[in-house]
């Protein structure tokens, strides 16, 4: 696997621990709604909910270790997750300030400050990756009969413990430098203030096509470089008007800007195609507005009209910059949709959140006007404007997910062409033996919003919320099953 493919695999795995954040956001959001001033001091129920949510937020580092180990394991087995937990405990215990002082024979006051921050998401990700690699390589090892009990998956936590000792030994000497470097990076971005937030948002959108935006997000949203924007916002621990600056400006884009782009694409579609593209754009626009899931809409024009996507990334950076500079703040546990905006309105760190709605209305107009103008002026082939021979078939895949999975499998060249099947929230992540056997036109005719090739053998198929379901159904199809009778568009 090439480096790009490996990093997008890590990015996908990061979504496993991130997926628990909505639970924290809902619990704490309701708690803040019940008691917006006392944060639980005036209501036992509010305190119960806020503390329950903080149990997730305060343990994100170990959740990263477990989630990444599980997400990167070849068959998503619980033994990999357990190993991630074991490895994290070993590393963080050995690198706790008291342990470092004892091992190095120095006074506790002489222990570098970096070790007081060893319980962080960076270490969680590192341990998770190592645990997954150990699982993938040694989970089927058979030991001598005298040690047979420890063969296979039972061996993995033992090997991970040994690896944890080695990791701790290395980090004991290099962690202070790594930590100081990460803090310097975080402080540099924070030093740029609102401009830094805008730059981050611009690259956040640009990395979506290759799925590496999750890795970038971890630097700004979690405690990798000392920023920790999402946990700090959700827990109410931070500076009003500042904490949340790497989140707030996404609300005007996801709730208003992208739906404005969808309306522009609908109005500029050929008359004969408007009915066909309306369902796609309406569903994708509503998903963006209500939940903040933007990929189905972004992939509708990302490859058909790349200049529009660069404009979209630039507008996102501008939006985040404006919100940060004006100190209009709201946050999210999942994404910048209506649900998270509503939940964050009583958060003690939410500042003039309603101004994000007004900003969003302005961005709706900007997106609509800019997209419509650029599409017409440069005759961009957005949905519904393709040349007749390029138009996507109106025939879609089966409504039954089991049959749809067979259709996708056949369009990808069958089981014999697939080395690995995986998925994140909105996309299939596949490793193919021969990428030329994947029929991109048929995949789109089945309902895929986009197809992304990463290197020679890695392929992503953008399906929206169905991705994980279809991936699961594809894995259930026996390798011996004849797909010749499966009908494709």
Protein backbone atom coordinates (compact mmCIF):
# COMPACT_ATOMS: atom_id res chain seq x y z
CA UNK A 1 0.00 0.00 0.00
CA UNK A 2 1.37 3.41 -0.93
CA UNK A 3 1.83 6.19 1.62
CA UNK A 4 -1.25 8.10 0.46
CA UNK A 5 -3.37 4.97 0.69
CA UNK A 6 -2.03 4.23 4.17
CA UNK A 7 -2.78 7.72 5.44
CA UNK A 8 -6.31 7.64 4.07
CA UNK A 9 -6.70 4.31 5.92
CA UNK A 10 -5.60 6.04 9.13
CA UNK A 11 -8.00 8.90 8.38
CA UNK A 12 -10.85 6.46 7.99
CA UNK A 13 -9.95 4.74 11.27
CA UNK A 14 -10.06 8.09 13.08
CA UNK A 15 -13.78 8.22 12.32
CA UNK A 16 -14.38 5.30 14.71
CA UNK A 17 -13.57 7.25 17.92
CA UNK A 18 -14.92 10.50 16.45
CA UNK A 19 -18.26 8.74 15.94
CA UNK A 20 -18.84 8.73 19.71
CA UNK A 21 -18.77 12.53 19.88
CA UNK A 22 -22.44 12.97 18.91
CA UNK A 23 -23.40 11.07 22.07
CA UNK A 24 -21.39 13.52 24.16
CA UNK A 25 -22.80 16.49 22.25
CA UNK A 26 -26.40 15.37 22.81
CA UNK A 27 -25.95 14.62 26.50
CA UNK A 28 -24.09 17.84 27.27
CA UNK A 29 -26.24 19.93 24.93
CA UNK A 30 -29.43 18.88 26.70
CA UNK A 31 -27.73 19.42 30.05
CA UNK A 32 -26.81 22.99 29.07
CA UNK A 33 -30.36 23.59 27.86
CA UNK A 34 -31.72 22.54 31.26
CA UNK A 35 -29.23 24.63 33.24
CA UNK A 36 -27.49 27.19 30.98
CA UNK A 37 -26.08 29.24 33.85
CA UNK A 38 -25.15 26.71 36.55
CA UNK A 39 -23.91 23.91 34.23
CA UNK A 40 -25.50 21.40 36.59
CA UNK A 41 -25.19 23.34 39.83
CA UNK A 42 -28.90 24.19 39.77
CA UNK A 43 -30.25 20.91 38.42
CA UNK A 44 -29.40 17.33 39.31
CA UNK A 45 -30.63 16.16 35.91
CA UNK A 46 -28.45 18.68 34.09
CA UNK A 47 -25.45 17.66 36.19
CA UNK A 48 -26.16 14.00 35.41
CA UNK A 49 -26.26 14.63 31.65
CA UNK A 50 -23.25 16.95 31.54
CA UNK A 51 -21.12 14.57 33.60
CA UNK A 52 -22.21 11.66 31.41
CA UNK A 53 -21.12 13.56 28.31
CA UNK A 54 -17.84 14.64 29.89
CA UNK A 55 -17.05 10.98 30.57
CA UNK A 56 -16.64 10.64 26.80
CA UNK A 57 -14.88 13.96 26.25
CA UNK A 58 -12.40 13.46 29.09
CA UNK A 59 -11.36 10.05 27.77
CA UNK A 60 -10.98 10.81 24.07
CA UNK A 61 -7.30 9.81 24.10
CA UNK A 62 -7.98 6.21 25.14
CA UNK A 63 -10.98 6.10 22.79
CA UNK A 64 -8.60 7.05 19.97
CA UNK A 65 -6.27 4.19 20.89
CA UNK A 66 -9.14 1.69 20.96
CA UNK A 67 -10.96 3.09 17.93
CA UNK A 68 -7.91 3.38 15.67
CA UNK A 69 -6.73 -0.12 16.61
CA UNK A 70 -10.18 -1.50 15.81
CA UNK A 71 -10.66 0.59 12.67
CA UNK A 72 -7.31 -0.37 11.13
CA UNK A 73 -7.54 -4.08 11.97
CA UNK A 74 -8.12 -6.23 8.92
CA UNK A 75 -11.32 -7.87 10.15
CA UNK A 76 -12.55 -5.34 12.75
CA UNK A 77 -12.06 -7.73 15.65
CA UNK A 78 -12.49 -6.93 19.34
CA UNK A 79 -9.05 -8.37 20.09
CA UNK A 80 -7.49 -5.47 18.19
CA UNK A 81 -9.53 -2.96 20.20
CA UNK A 82 -8.52 -4.66 23.48
CA UNK A 83 -4.89 -4.54 22.40
CA UNK A 84 -5.17 -0.82 21.70
CA UNK A 85 -6.49 -0.32 25.24
CA UNK A 86 -3.73 -2.47 26.75
CA UNK A 87 -1.02 -0.70 24.78
CA UNK A 88 -2.33 2.71 25.79
CA UNK A 89 -2.34 1.77 29.48
CA UNK A 90 1.22 0.49 29.29
CA UNK A 91 2.57 3.56 27.49
CA UNK A 92 0.76 6.18 29.58
CA UNK A 93 1.56 4.43 32.85
CA UNK A 94 5.27 4.18 32.08
CA UNK A 95 5.38 7.80 30.91
CA UNK A 96 3.44 9.34 33.78
CA UNK A 97 5.55 12.01 35.55
CA UNK A 98 6.00 9.92 38.69
CA UNK A 99 7.10 6.87 36.71
CA UNK A 100 9.52 8.92 34.58
CA UNK A 101 11.09 10.40 37.73
CA UNK A 102 11.50 6.95 39.25
CA UNK A 103 12.86 5.28 36.10
CA UNK A 104 15.32 8.07 35.30
CA UNK A 105 16.27 8.57 38.96
CA UNK A 106 15.53 12.29 38.95
CA UNK A 107 13.50 14.59 41.15
CA UNK A 108 9.83 14.89 40.21
CA UNK A 109 10.27 18.63 39.72
CA UNK A 110 12.89 17.95 37.02
CA UNK A 111 10.54 15.86 34.86
CA UNK A 112 9.80 17.72 31.59
CA UNK A 113 6.32 19.23 31.44
CA UNK A 114 5.62 17.18 28.28
CA UNK A 115 5.01 14.09 30.41
CA UNK A 116 2.15 15.74 32.26
CA UNK A 117 0.38 15.76 28.85
CA UNK A 118 1.15 12.17 27.86
CA UNK A 119 -2.53 11.23 28.04
CA UNK A 120 -3.43 12.75 24.66
CA UNK A 121 -4.90 11.82 21.28
CA UNK A 122 -1.52 11.80 19.51
CA UNK A 123 -0.32 8.97 21.73
CA UNK A 124 -3.70 7.29 21.35
CA UNK A 125 -3.41 7.35 17.55
CA UNK A 126 0.20 6.10 17.66
CA UNK A 127 -0.65 3.19 19.97
CA UNK A 128 -3.76 2.38 17.93
CA UNK A 129 -1.77 2.15 14.69
CA UNK A 130 0.90 -0.06 16.24
CA UNK A 131 -1.73 -2.31 17.86
CA UNK A 132 -3.56 -2.74 14.57
CA UNK A 133 -0.36 -3.58 12.69
CA UNK A 134 0.55 -6.20 15.30
CA UNK A 135 -2.94 -7.68 15.06
CA UNK A 136 -2.89 -7.79 11.26
CA UNK A 137 0.48 -9.58 11.21
CA UNK A 138 0.26 -11.98 14.14
CA UNK A 139 -3.40 -12.76 14.83
CA UNK A 140 -3.11 -16.17 13.14
CA UNK A 141 0.24 -17.25 14.58
CA UNK A 142 0.19 -20.75 16.10
CA UNK A 143 2.55 -21.38 19.03
CA UNK A 144 3.98 -24.66 20.30
CA UNK A 145 1.39 -26.97 21.87
CA UNK A 146 2.66 -26.13 25.34
CA UNK A 147 1.70 -22.49 24.68
CA UNK A 148 -1.27 -23.18 22.41
CA UNK A 149 -3.65 -21.27 24.68
CA UNK A 150 -1.85 -18.05 23.76
CA UNK A 151 -1.98 -18.65 20.01
CA UNK A 152 -3.83 -16.48 17.53
CA UNK A 153 -5.76 -13.50 18.83
CA UNK A 154 -4.87 -14.18 22.48
CA UNK A 155 -1.27 -13.46 21.57
CA UNK A 156 -1.99 -9.92 20.39
CA UNK A 157 -2.45 -8.16 23.79
CA UNK A 158 0.80 -9.78 24.97
CA UNK A 159 2.74 -8.59 21.94
CA UNK A 160 1.12 -5.16 22.23
CA UNK A 161 2.23 -4.94 25.85
CA UNK A 162 5.82 -5.60 24.78
CA UNK A 163 5.45 -3.06 21.97
CA UNK A 164 4.04 -0.60 24.51
CA UNK A 165 7.18 -0.96 26.63
CA UNK A 166 9.36 -0.30 23.57
CA UNK A 167 7.23 2.70 22.54
CA UNK A 168 7.43 4.10 26.07
CA UNK A 169 11.19 3.61 26.11
CA UNK A 170 11.57 5.57 22.88
CA UNK A 171 9.09 8.28 23.82
CA UNK A 172 10.78 8.77 27.18
CA UNK A 173 13.58 10.48 25.28
CA UNK A 174 11.90 11.85 22.16
CA UNK A 175 8.45 12.79 23.48
CA UNK A 176 9.55 16.16 24.92
CA UNK A 177 10.84 17.20 21.48
CA UNK A 178 7.73 15.88 19.70
CA UNK A 179 5.46 17.56 22.21
CA UNK A 180 7.27 20.87 21.98
CA UNK A 181 7.09 20.68 18.19
CA UNK A 182 3.35 20.00 18.23
CA UNK A 183 2.76 22.78 20.73
CA UNK A 184 4.81 25.16 18.60
CA UNK A 185 2.74 24.24 15.55
CA UNK A 186 -0.49 24.72 17.47
CA UNK A 187 0.68 28.03 18.91
CA UNK A 188 1.75 29.21 15.46
CA UNK A 189 -1.70 28.53 14.05
CA UNK A 190 -3.38 30.04 17.09
CA UNK A 191 -1.05 33.01 16.78
CA UNK A 192 -2.55 33.71 13.37
CA UNK A 193 -5.94 34.00 15.07
CA UNK A 194 -8.89 34.17 12.72
CA UNK A 195 -6.62 33.97 9.66
CA UNK A 196 -5.20 30.67 10.91
CA UNK A 197 -8.72 29.31 11.35
CA UNK A 198 -9.56 30.32 7.78
CA UNK A 199 -6.42 28.69 6.38
CA UNK A 200 -7.26 25.49 8.23
CA UNK A 201 -10.82 25.48 6.86
CA UNK A 202 -9.59 26.01 3.29
CA UNK A 203 -7.33 22.95 3.46
CA UNK A 204 -10.01 21.00 5.32
CA UNK A 205 -12.19 21.15 2.20
CA UNK A 206 -9.32 20.58 -0.25
CA UNK A 207 -8.35 17.31 1.44
CA UNK A 208 -11.85 15.80 1.28
CA UNK A 209 -11.35 14.23 -2.19
CA UNK A 210 -8.61 11.95 -0.83
CA UNK A 211 -10.16 11.48 2.60
CA UNK A 212 -7.24 12.97 4.52
CA UNK A 213 -9.21 15.80 6.11
CA UNK A 214 -9.81 13.63 9.19
CA UNK A 215 -6.08 13.61 9.94
CA UNK A 216 -5.93 17.40 9.58
CA UNK A 217 -9.02 17.81 11.75
CA UNK A 218 -7.41 15.89 14.60
CA UNK A 219 -4.77 18.61 14.92
CA UNK A 220 -7.28 21.41 15.38
CA UNK A 221 -10.29 19.67 16.88
CA UNK A 222 -8.48 17.46 19.41
CA UNK A 223 -5.49 17.63 21.75
CA UNK A 224 -2.77 16.77 19.23
CA UNK A 225 -1.21 20.24 19.08
CA UNK A 226 -2.70 21.73 22.23
CA UNK A 227 -5.81 23.21 20.53
CA UNK A 228 -8.49 20.61 21.44
CA UNK A 229 -11.32 22.77 20.07
CA UNK A 230 -14.25 20.32 20.11
CA UNK A 231 -13.73 18.75 23.58
CA UNK A 232 -13.02 22.14 25.13
CA UNK A 233 -16.17 23.62 23.61
CA UNK A 234 -18.43 20.72 24.54
CA UNK A 235 -17.15 20.66 28.11
CA UNK A 236 -17.42 24.43 28.51
CA UNK A 237 -13.70 24.67 29.29
CA UNK A 238 -12.19 27.48 27.29
CA UNK A 239 -12.30 31.14 26.36
CA UNK A 240 -15.64 32.61 25.20
CA UNK A 241 -15.34 33.93 21.66
CA UNK A 242 -12.18 31.89 20.99
CA UNK A 243 -12.86 28.26 21.82
CA UNK A 244 -14.92 26.94 18.92
CA UNK A 245 -13.31 29.18 16.29
CA UNK A 246 -12.25 26.12 14.26
CA UNK A 247 -15.88 24.97 14.09
CA UNK A 248 -18.24 27.95 14.01
CA UNK A 249 -17.66 29.15 10.45
CA UNK A 250 -18.65 25.77 9.02
CA UNK A 251 -22.30 26.30 10.00
CA UNK A 252 -22.98 29.02 7.38
CA UNK A 253 -21.40 26.79 4.72
CA UNK A 254 -23.04 23.47 5.51
CA UNK A 255 -26.46 24.79 6.47
CA UNK A 256 -26.79 27.54 3.86
CA UNK A 257 -23.90 27.86 1.40
CA UNK A 258 -23.96 24.35 -0.05
CA UNK A 259 -27.78 24.27 -0.33
CA UNK A 260 -27.42 27.56 -2.25
CA UNK A 261 -24.95 25.83 -4.57
CA UNK A 262 -27.42 22.96 -5.02
CA UNK A 263 -30.15 25.40 -6.04
CA UNK A 264 -27.79 27.06 -8.55
CA UNK A 265 -26.92 23.70 -10.07
CA UNK A 266 -30.60 22.81 -10.33
CA UNK A 267 -31.50 26.10 -12.04
CA UNK A 268 -28.64 25.75 -14.53
CA UNK A 269 -29.37 22.11 -15.40
CA UNK A 270 -30.85 21.33 -18.81
CA UNK A 271 -34.64 21.45 -18.76
CA UNK A 272 -34.95 17.77 -19.69
CA UNK A 273 -32.66 16.77 -16.80
CA UNK A 274 -34.08 18.92 -14.01
CA UNK A 275 -36.44 16.27 -12.72
CA UNK A 276 -33.61 13.74 -12.61
CA UNK A 277 -31.12 15.96 -10.76
CA UNK A 278 -33.72 17.47 -8.43
CA UNK A 279 -33.93 14.35 -6.26
CA UNK A 280 -30.14 14.11 -5.96
CA UNK A 281 -29.62 17.79 -5.15
CA UNK A 282 -32.60 18.03 -2.81
CA UNK A 283 -31.57 14.99 -0.77
CA UNK A 284 -27.91 16.05 -0.65
CA UNK A 285 -28.80 19.66 0.19
CA UNK A 286 -31.10 18.60 3.03
CA UNK A 287 -28.44 16.26 4.44
CA UNK A 288 -25.96 19.13 4.45
CA UNK A 289 -28.43 21.52 6.13
CA UNK A 290 -29.85 19.18 8.73
CA UNK A 291 -26.92 16.92 9.68
CA UNK A 292 -23.85 18.62 8.21
CA UNK A 293 -23.02 15.61 5.99
CA UNK A 294 -21.68 17.42 2.92
CA UNK A 295 -19.92 14.77 0.86
CA UNK A 296 -22.95 13.65 -1.21
CA UNK A 297 -23.37 17.24 -2.42
CA UNK A 298 -19.68 18.08 -2.74
CA UNK A 299 -18.98 14.99 -4.80
CA UNK A 300 -21.83 15.95 -7.11
CA UNK A 301 -19.63 18.74 -8.54
CA UNK A 302 -16.14 18.04 -7.20
CA UNK A 303 -14.93 16.16 -10.27
CA UNK A 304 -17.42 17.45 -12.80
CA UNK A 305 -16.40 21.06 -12.14
CA UNK A 306 -13.13 21.30 -10.13
CA UNK A 307 -13.00 25.13 -10.31
CA UNK A 308 -16.26 25.25 -8.36
CA UNK A 309 -14.76 23.04 -5.68
CA UNK A 310 -11.76 25.35 -5.26
CA UNK A 311 -14.21 28.27 -4.99
CA UNK A 312 -16.14 26.28 -2.37
CA UNK A 313 -12.95 25.65 -0.37
CA UNK A 314 -12.04 29.35 -0.54
CA UNK A 315 -15.52 30.43 0.57
CA UNK A 316 -15.33 27.98 3.47
CA UNK A 317 -12.04 29.53 4.57
CA UNK A 318 -13.57 33.01 4.33
CA UNK A 319 -16.62 31.94 6.34
CA UNK A 320 -14.54 30.43 9.14
CA UNK A 321 -12.33 33.53 9.13
CA UNK A 322 -15.34 35.88 9.43
CA UNK A 323 -16.95 33.90 12.25
CA UNK A 324 -13.64 33.69 14.14
CA UNK A 325 -12.79 37.35 13.70
CA UNK A 326 -16.29 38.45 14.77
CA UNK A 327 -16.28 35.95 17.67
CA UNK A 328 -19.55 34.35 16.55
CA UNK A 329 -19.21 30.91 18.06
CA UNK A 330 -21.09 27.62 18.02
CA UNK A 331 -19.72 24.09 18.07
CA UNK A 332 -20.58 20.54 17.15
CA UNK A 333 -20.10 16.95 18.17
CA UNK A 334 -20.75 15.51 14.72
CA UNK A 335 -20.87 18.20 12.06
CA UNK A 336 -22.10 21.74 11.42
CA UNK A 337 -25.75 21.02 10.73
CA UNK A 338 -29.01 22.21 12.27
CA UNK A 339 -29.03 19.50 14.94
CA UNK A 340 -25.64 20.47 16.36
CA UNK A 341 -26.39 24.20 16.10
CA UNK A 342 -29.54 23.72 18.15
CA UNK A 343 -27.74 21.63 20.77
CA UNK A 344 -24.89 24.14 21.15
CA UNK A 345 -27.01 27.27 21.59
CA UNK A 346 -27.08 26.97 25.39
CA UNK A 347 -23.46 25.99 25.69
CA UNK A 348 -21.68 28.48 27.98
CA UNK A 349 -19.06 29.08 25.26
CA UNK A 350 -21.58 29.78 22.49
CA UNK A 351 -21.28 33.49 21.63
CA UNK A 352 -23.82 35.25 19.39
CA UNK A 353 -24.50 31.94 17.63
CA UNK A 354 -27.54 33.45 15.94
CA UNK A 355 -25.23 35.66 13.88
CA UNK A 356 -24.03 32.49 12.17
CA UNK A 357 -27.56 32.10 10.81
CA UNK A 358 -27.50 35.63 9.41
CA UNK A 359 -24.04 34.98 7.99
CA UNK A 360 -25.41 31.77 6.50
CA UNK A 361 -28.21 33.61 4.71
CA UNK A 362 -25.60 35.88 3.12
CA UNK A 363 -23.51 32.87 2.10
CA UNK A 364 -26.58 31.19 0.60
CA UNK A 365 -26.86 34.18 -1.73
CA UNK A 366 -23.11 34.23 -2.42
CA UNK A 367 -22.98 30.53 -3.28
CA UNK A 368 -26.06 30.75 -5.47
CA UNK A 369 -24.85 33.82 -7.39
CA UNK A 370 -21.22 32.68 -7.76
CA UNK A 371 -22.05 29.10 -8.71
CA UNK A 372 -24.74 30.12 -11.19
CA UNK A 373 -22.50 32.77 -12.78
CA UNK A 374 -19.43 30.54 -13.07
CA UNK A 375 -21.42 27.54 -14.35
CA UNK A 376 -23.05 29.56 -17.12
CA UNK A 377 -20.02 31.68 -18.05
CA UNK A 378 -17.65 28.73 -18.38
CA UNK A 379 -20.27 26.13 -19.36
CA UNK A 380 -19.27 23.78 -16.53
CA UNK A 381 -20.69 20.26 -16.67
CA UNK A 382 -22.43 20.18 -13.30
CA UNK A 383 -25.21 17.60 -12.71
CA UNK A 384 -27.79 17.86 -15.46
CA UNK A 385 -25.48 19.80 -17.81
CA UNK A 386 -23.44 16.86 -19.11
CA UNK A 387 -23.18 16.27 -22.85
CA UNK A 388 -25.81 13.79 -23.99
CA UNK A 389 -23.35 10.93 -24.35
CA UNK A 390 -21.94 11.65 -20.88
CA UNK A 391 -25.18 12.01 -19.00
CA UNK A 392 -25.60 9.74 -16.05
CA UNK A 393 -28.11 6.99 -16.62
CA UNK A 394 -31.48 7.55 -15.02
CA UNK A 395 -31.45 3.87 -14.07
CA UNK A 396 -30.33 3.47 -10.47
CA UNK A 397 -29.29 0.49 -8.43
CA UNK A 398 -31.69 -1.81 -6.64
CA UNK A 399 -33.60 -0.39 -3.69
CA UNK A 400 -32.80 -3.60 -1.79
CA UNK A 401 -29.34 -3.23 -0.25
CA UNK A 402 -28.37 -6.89 -0.66
CA UNK A 403 -29.02 -6.76 -4.39
CA UNK A 404 -27.42 -3.31 -4.63
CA UNK A 405 -24.27 -4.70 -3.02
CA UNK A 406 -24.12 -7.40 -5.70
CA UNK A 407 -24.47 -4.76 -8.40
CA UNK A 408 -21.60 -2.74 -6.95
CA UNK A 409 -19.50 -5.86 -6.52
CA UNK A 410 -20.00 -6.83 -10.15
CA UNK A 411 -19.21 -3.28 -11.34
CA UNK A 412 -15.96 -3.46 -9.34
CA UNK A 413 -14.82 -6.63 -11.06
CA UNK A 414 -16.19 -9.22 -8.63
CA UNK A 415 -14.80 -10.75 -5.45
CA UNK A 416 -11.68 -11.88 -7.26
CA UNK A 417 -10.72 -8.26 -7.90
CA UNK A 418 -11.21 -7.05 -4.33
CA UNK A 419 -8.43 -7.44 -1.79
CA UNK A 420 -10.11 -5.34 0.90
CA UNK A 421 -13.59 -3.92 1.48
CA UNK A 422 -14.09 -1.19 4.05
CA UNK A 423 -16.23 1.90 4.58
CA UNK A 424 -16.53 5.09 6.57
CA UNK A 425 -19.64 7.22 7.01
CA UNK A 426 -20.12 8.13 3.34
CA UNK A 427 -17.66 6.16 1.20
CA UNK A 428 -16.59 2.64 0.31
CA UNK A 429 -12.82 2.27 0.74
CA UNK A 430 -11.53 -0.52 -1.46
CA UNK A 431 -8.25 -2.13 -2.41
CA UNK A 432 -8.37 -3.65 -5.90
CA UNK A 433 -6.06 -6.07 -7.65
CA UNK A 434 -6.76 -4.41 -11.00
CA UNK A 435 -8.35 -0.96 -10.86
CA UNK A 436 -9.04 -1.03 -14.61
CA UNK A 437 -11.78 -3.62 -13.99
CA UNK A 438 -13.81 -1.08 -11.97
CA UNK A 439 -16.44 0.45 -14.26
CA UNK A 440 -16.73 4.06 -13.09
CA UNK A 441 -19.65 4.86 -15.40
CA UNK A 442 -21.66 1.91 -14.07
CA UNK A 443 -20.80 2.76 -10.46
CA UNK A 444 -22.24 6.25 -10.97
CA UNK A 445 -25.27 4.82 -12.75
CA UNK A 446 -25.90 2.68 -9.66
CA UNK A 447 -26.04 5.84 -7.54
CA UNK A 448 -22.44 6.65 -6.59
CA UNK A 449 -21.87 10.40 -6.26
CA UNK A 450 -18.20 10.07 -7.13
CA UNK A 451 -15.24 7.72 -7.56
CA UNK A 452 -11.78 8.59 -6.21
CA UNK A 453 -8.64 6.72 -7.27
CA UNK A 454 -5.73 6.77 -4.82
CA UNK A 455 -2.63 5.30 -6.37
CA UNK A 456 -2.76 2.17 -8.50
CA UNK A 457 -4.98 -0.01 -6.37
CA UNK A 458 -6.95 2.07 -3.86
CA UNK A 459 -10.44 3.23 -4.78
CA UNK A 460 -13.12 5.15 -2.92
CA UNK A 461 -16.76 5.08 -4.02
CA UNK A 462 -18.88 7.87 -2.56
CA UNK A 463 -22.32 6.52 -1.64
CA UNK A 464 -23.51 8.74 1.19
CA UNK A 465 -25.05 7.19 4.34
CA UNK A 466 -25.53 3.81 2.57
CA UNK A 467 -21.77 3.20 2.39
CA UNK A 468 -21.36 1.14 5.56
CA UNK A 469 -24.49 -0.88 4.86
CA UNK A 470 -23.43 -1.69 1.30
CA UNK A 471 -19.91 -2.59 2.47
CA UNK A 472 -21.36 -4.97 5.04
CA UNK A 473 -23.61 -6.60 2.45
CA UNK A 474 -20.70 -6.95 -0.01
CA UNK A 475 -18.68 -8.81 2.61
CA UNK A 476 -21.56 -11.26 3.11
CA UNK A 477 -21.63 -12.27 -0.56
CA UNK A 478 -19.83 -15.64 -0.92
CA UNK A 479 -16.76 -15.55 -3.14
CA UNK A 480 -18.18 -18.52 -5.03
CA UNK A 481 -21.47 -16.79 -5.93
CA UNK A 482 -22.06 -16.32 -9.65
CA UNK A 483 -22.78 -12.67 -10.43
CA UNK A 484 -23.41 -13.17 -14.13
CA UNK A 485 -27.18 -12.93 -13.65
CA UNK A 486 -26.93 -9.61 -11.76
CA UNK A 487 -28.35 -6.84 -13.95
CA UNK A 488 -26.49 -3.54 -14.24
CA UNK A 489 -27.76 -0.22 -15.62
